[in-house]
């Protein structure tokens, strides 16, 4: 579980590198936001140790904030 959290927290850095290479832009994050929310909640459900909604929210919210931080780090094209 700790390895998954470590990999997820690298998302902004990976997005920044891909943005510098010109592979993704802020429009990419905007276009795929709805899909990302569903995917992040699903990922949070997989990595949480319990099945209660409180723990799911505690994991989902930071994942979504990392997604938005990634979108802010990538330049607008």
N, C-alpha and C. Protein backbone atom coordinates (compact mmCIF):
# COMPACT_ATOMS: atom_id res chain seq x y z
N UNK A 1 0.82 -1.19 0.00
CA UNK A 1 0.00 0.00 0.00
C UNK A 1 0.87 1.26 0.00
N UNK A 2 1.96 1.25 0.73
CA UNK A 2 2.82 2.42 0.79
C UNK A 2 3.48 2.70 -0.56
N UNK A 3 3.78 1.65 -1.28
CA UNK A 3 4.37 1.81 -2.61
C UNK A 3 3.40 2.51 -3.55
N UNK A 4 2.13 2.17 -3.46
CA UNK A 4 1.12 2.80 -4.31
C UNK A 4 1.01 4.28 -3.99
N UNK A 5 1.00 4.63 -2.70
CA UNK A 5 0.95 6.04 -2.33
C UNK A 5 2.17 6.79 -2.84
N UNK A 6 3.32 6.17 -2.74
CA UNK A 6 4.54 6.80 -3.24
C UNK A 6 4.49 7.05 -4.73
N UNK A 7 3.97 6.10 -5.47
CA UNK A 7 3.85 6.27 -6.92
C UNK A 7 2.83 7.35 -7.28
N UNK A 8 1.74 7.40 -6.55
CA UNK A 8 0.70 8.39 -6.84
C UNK A 8 1.20 9.80 -6.55
N UNK A 9 2.01 9.96 -5.53
CA UNK A 9 2.51 11.29 -5.20
C UNK A 9 3.56 11.79 -6.20
N UNK A 10 3.97 10.94 -7.11
CA UNK A 10 4.87 11.36 -8.18
C UNK A 10 4.10 11.92 -9.38
N UNK A 11 2.78 11.87 -9.36
CA UNK A 11 1.95 12.33 -10.47
C UNK A 11 2.26 13.77 -10.90
N UNK A 12 2.37 14.73 -10.00
CA UNK A 12 2.69 16.09 -10.45
C UNK A 12 4.04 16.20 -11.16
N UNK A 13 5.03 15.46 -10.69
CA UNK A 13 6.35 15.52 -11.33
C UNK A 13 6.30 14.89 -12.72
N UNK A 14 5.62 13.78 -12.85
CA UNK A 14 5.48 13.13 -14.16
C UNK A 14 4.72 14.05 -15.12
N UNK A 15 3.67 14.68 -14.63
CA UNK A 15 2.89 15.60 -15.47
C UNK A 15 3.74 16.79 -15.89
N UNK A 16 4.56 17.29 -15.00
CA UNK A 16 5.43 18.42 -15.34
C UNK A 16 6.42 18.03 -16.43
N UNK A 17 7.01 16.87 -16.31
CA UNK A 17 7.97 16.40 -17.32
C UNK A 17 7.28 16.18 -18.66
N UNK A 18 6.11 15.54 -18.64
CA UNK A 18 5.38 15.33 -19.88
C UNK A 18 4.92 16.64 -20.50
N UNK A 19 4.59 17.61 -19.66
CA UNK A 19 4.21 18.93 -20.16
C UNK A 19 5.38 19.65 -20.80
N UNK A 20 6.56 19.54 -20.19
CA UNK A 20 7.75 20.16 -20.77
C UNK A 20 8.12 19.53 -22.11
N UNK A 21 7.82 18.24 -22.24
CA UNK A 21 8.10 17.54 -23.50
C UNK A 21 7.03 17.84 -24.55
N UNK A 22 5.94 18.47 -24.13
CA UNK A 22 4.88 18.81 -25.06
C UNK A 22 3.89 17.68 -25.32
N UNK A 23 3.91 16.66 -24.48
CA UNK A 23 3.02 15.53 -24.68
C UNK A 23 1.62 15.75 -24.09
N UNK A 24 1.53 16.56 -23.04
CA UNK A 24 0.23 16.87 -22.46
C UNK A 24 0.15 18.37 -22.20
N UNK A 25 -1.06 18.88 -22.11
CA UNK A 25 -1.27 20.29 -21.81
C UNK A 25 -2.38 20.40 -20.76
N UNK A 26 -2.64 21.61 -20.33
CA UNK A 26 -3.69 21.83 -19.35
C UNK A 26 -5.05 21.44 -19.91
N UNK A 27 -5.22 21.58 -21.21
CA UNK A 27 -6.48 21.19 -21.85
C UNK A 27 -6.72 19.69 -21.72
N UNK A 28 -5.65 18.91 -21.72
CA UNK A 28 -5.76 17.46 -21.53
C UNK A 28 -6.39 17.16 -20.17
N UNK A 29 -5.90 17.83 -19.14
CA UNK A 29 -6.44 17.60 -17.80
C UNK A 29 -7.89 18.07 -17.71
N UNK A 30 -8.19 19.16 -18.36
CA UNK A 30 -9.56 19.68 -18.33
C UNK A 30 -10.51 18.74 -19.05
N UNK A 31 -10.08 18.21 -20.18
CA UNK A 31 -10.92 17.33 -20.99
C UNK A 31 -11.19 16.01 -20.28
N UNK A 32 -10.21 15.48 -19.57
CA UNK A 32 -10.33 14.16 -18.95
C UNK A 32 -10.63 14.22 -17.45
N UNK A 33 -11.05 15.36 -16.93
CA UNK A 33 -11.27 15.53 -15.48
C UNK A 33 -12.33 14.56 -14.95
N UNK A 34 -13.46 14.44 -15.63
CA UNK A 34 -14.53 13.56 -15.14
C UNK A 34 -14.07 12.11 -15.06
N UNK A 35 -13.37 11.69 -16.08
CA UNK A 35 -12.86 10.31 -16.10
C UNK A 35 -11.82 10.11 -15.00
N UNK A 36 -11.01 11.12 -14.78
CA UNK A 36 -9.97 11.02 -13.76
C UNK A 36 -10.58 10.92 -12.36
N UNK A 37 -11.66 11.64 -12.12
CA UNK A 37 -12.30 11.57 -10.80
C UNK A 37 -12.80 10.16 -10.53
N UNK A 38 -13.46 9.57 -11.51
CA UNK A 38 -13.95 8.20 -11.34
C UNK A 38 -12.79 7.24 -11.14
N UNK A 39 -11.75 7.38 -11.94
CA UNK A 39 -10.59 6.51 -11.82
C UNK A 39 -9.89 6.68 -10.48
N UNK A 40 -9.77 7.91 -10.00
CA UNK A 40 -9.11 8.16 -8.72
C UNK A 40 -9.92 7.59 -7.55
N UNK A 41 -11.24 7.70 -7.61
CA UNK A 41 -12.06 7.11 -6.55
C UNK A 41 -11.95 5.59 -6.59
N UNK A 42 -11.93 5.03 -7.79
CA UNK A 42 -11.76 3.58 -7.92
C UNK A 42 -10.40 3.14 -7.38
N UNK A 43 -9.36 3.88 -7.72
CA UNK A 43 -8.03 3.58 -7.20
C UNK A 43 -7.98 3.69 -5.68
N UNK A 44 -8.64 4.71 -5.15
CA UNK A 44 -8.68 4.88 -3.71
C UNK A 44 -9.42 3.73 -3.05
N UNK A 45 -10.47 3.23 -3.69
CA UNK A 45 -11.20 2.09 -3.14
C UNK A 45 -10.34 0.84 -3.13
N UNK A 46 -9.46 0.72 -4.11
CA UNK A 46 -8.58 -0.46 -4.15
C UNK A 46 -7.49 -0.41 -3.09
N UNK A 47 -6.98 0.78 -2.79
CA UNK A 47 -5.83 0.84 -1.89
C UNK A 47 -6.20 1.13 -0.44
N UNK A 48 -7.47 1.40 -0.16
CA UNK A 48 -7.85 1.62 1.24
C UNK A 48 -7.95 0.28 1.96
N UNK A 49 -7.50 0.25 3.19
CA UNK A 49 -7.53 -1.02 3.93
C UNK A 49 -8.93 -1.42 4.38
N UNK A 50 -9.84 -0.46 4.52
CA UNK A 50 -11.20 -0.78 4.96
C UNK A 50 -12.18 -0.34 3.88
N UNK A 51 -13.43 -0.67 4.06
CA UNK A 51 -14.43 -0.35 3.05
C UNK A 51 -15.35 0.80 3.41
N UNK A 52 -15.04 1.53 4.48
CA UNK A 52 -15.96 2.59 4.88
C UNK A 52 -15.76 3.85 4.03
N UNK A 53 -16.82 4.64 3.87
CA UNK A 53 -16.75 5.84 3.02
C UNK A 53 -15.81 6.92 3.56
N UNK A 54 -15.64 6.98 4.87
CA UNK A 54 -14.75 8.00 5.44
C UNK A 54 -13.31 7.78 5.00
N UNK A 55 -12.85 6.55 5.07
CA UNK A 55 -11.49 6.24 4.64
C UNK A 55 -11.34 6.45 3.14
N UNK A 56 -12.37 6.09 2.39
CA UNK A 56 -12.35 6.31 0.95
C UNK A 56 -12.20 7.79 0.63
N UNK A 57 -12.91 8.63 1.36
CA UNK A 57 -12.80 10.08 1.15
C UNK A 57 -11.43 10.60 1.57
N UNK A 58 -10.88 10.05 2.65
CA UNK A 58 -9.56 10.47 3.11
C UNK A 58 -8.47 10.17 2.09
N UNK A 59 -8.67 9.16 1.28
CA UNK A 59 -7.69 8.82 0.26
C UNK A 59 -8.02 9.51 -1.06
N UNK A 60 -9.29 9.61 -1.40
CA UNK A 60 -9.71 10.18 -2.68
C UNK A 60 -9.41 11.67 -2.80
N UNK A 61 -9.64 12.41 -1.75
CA UNK A 61 -9.45 13.86 -1.82
C UNK A 61 -7.99 14.24 -2.09
N UNK A 62 -7.01 13.68 -1.39
CA UNK A 62 -5.63 14.01 -1.74
C UNK A 62 -5.25 13.59 -3.16
N UNK A 63 -5.78 12.47 -3.63
CA UNK A 63 -5.50 12.05 -5.00
C UNK A 63 -6.04 13.07 -5.99
N UNK A 64 -7.24 13.56 -5.75
CA UNK A 64 -7.82 14.57 -6.64
C UNK A 64 -7.03 15.88 -6.57
N UNK A 65 -6.60 16.26 -5.38
CA UNK A 65 -5.80 17.48 -5.25
C UNK A 65 -4.47 17.35 -5.99
N UNK A 66 -3.89 16.17 -5.98
CA UNK A 66 -2.66 15.95 -6.75
C UNK A 66 -2.93 16.05 -8.24
N UNK A 67 -4.10 15.59 -8.67
CA UNK A 67 -4.48 15.71 -10.08
C UNK A 67 -4.59 17.18 -10.47
N UNK A 68 -5.24 17.97 -9.63
CA UNK A 68 -5.39 19.40 -9.92
C UNK A 68 -4.05 20.13 -9.86
N UNK A 69 -3.19 19.74 -8.94
CA UNK A 69 -1.85 20.32 -8.88
C UNK A 69 -1.08 20.02 -10.15
N UNK A 70 -1.24 18.82 -10.65
CA UNK A 70 -0.59 18.44 -11.91
C UNK A 70 -1.09 19.31 -13.05
N UNK A 71 -2.39 19.58 -13.06
CA UNK A 71 -2.96 20.42 -14.11
C UNK A 71 -2.43 21.85 -14.01
N UNK A 72 -2.20 22.32 -12.81
CA UNK A 72 -1.67 23.68 -12.64
C UNK A 72 -0.20 23.78 -13.05
N UNK A 73 0.54 22.71 -12.87
CA UNK A 73 1.96 22.73 -13.19
C UNK A 73 2.22 22.69 -14.70
N UNK A 74 1.29 22.11 -15.44
CA UNK A 74 1.47 21.99 -16.88
C UNK A 74 1.06 23.29 -17.54
N UNK A 75 1.86 23.74 -18.49
CA UNK A 75 1.56 25.02 -19.13
C UNK A 75 0.33 24.93 -20.01
N UNK A 76 -0.29 26.05 -20.19
CA UNK A 76 -1.52 26.14 -20.98
C UNK A 76 -1.17 26.29 -22.45
N UNK A 77 -1.76 25.46 -23.28
CA UNK A 77 -1.51 25.55 -24.73
C UNK A 77 -2.80 25.68 -25.47
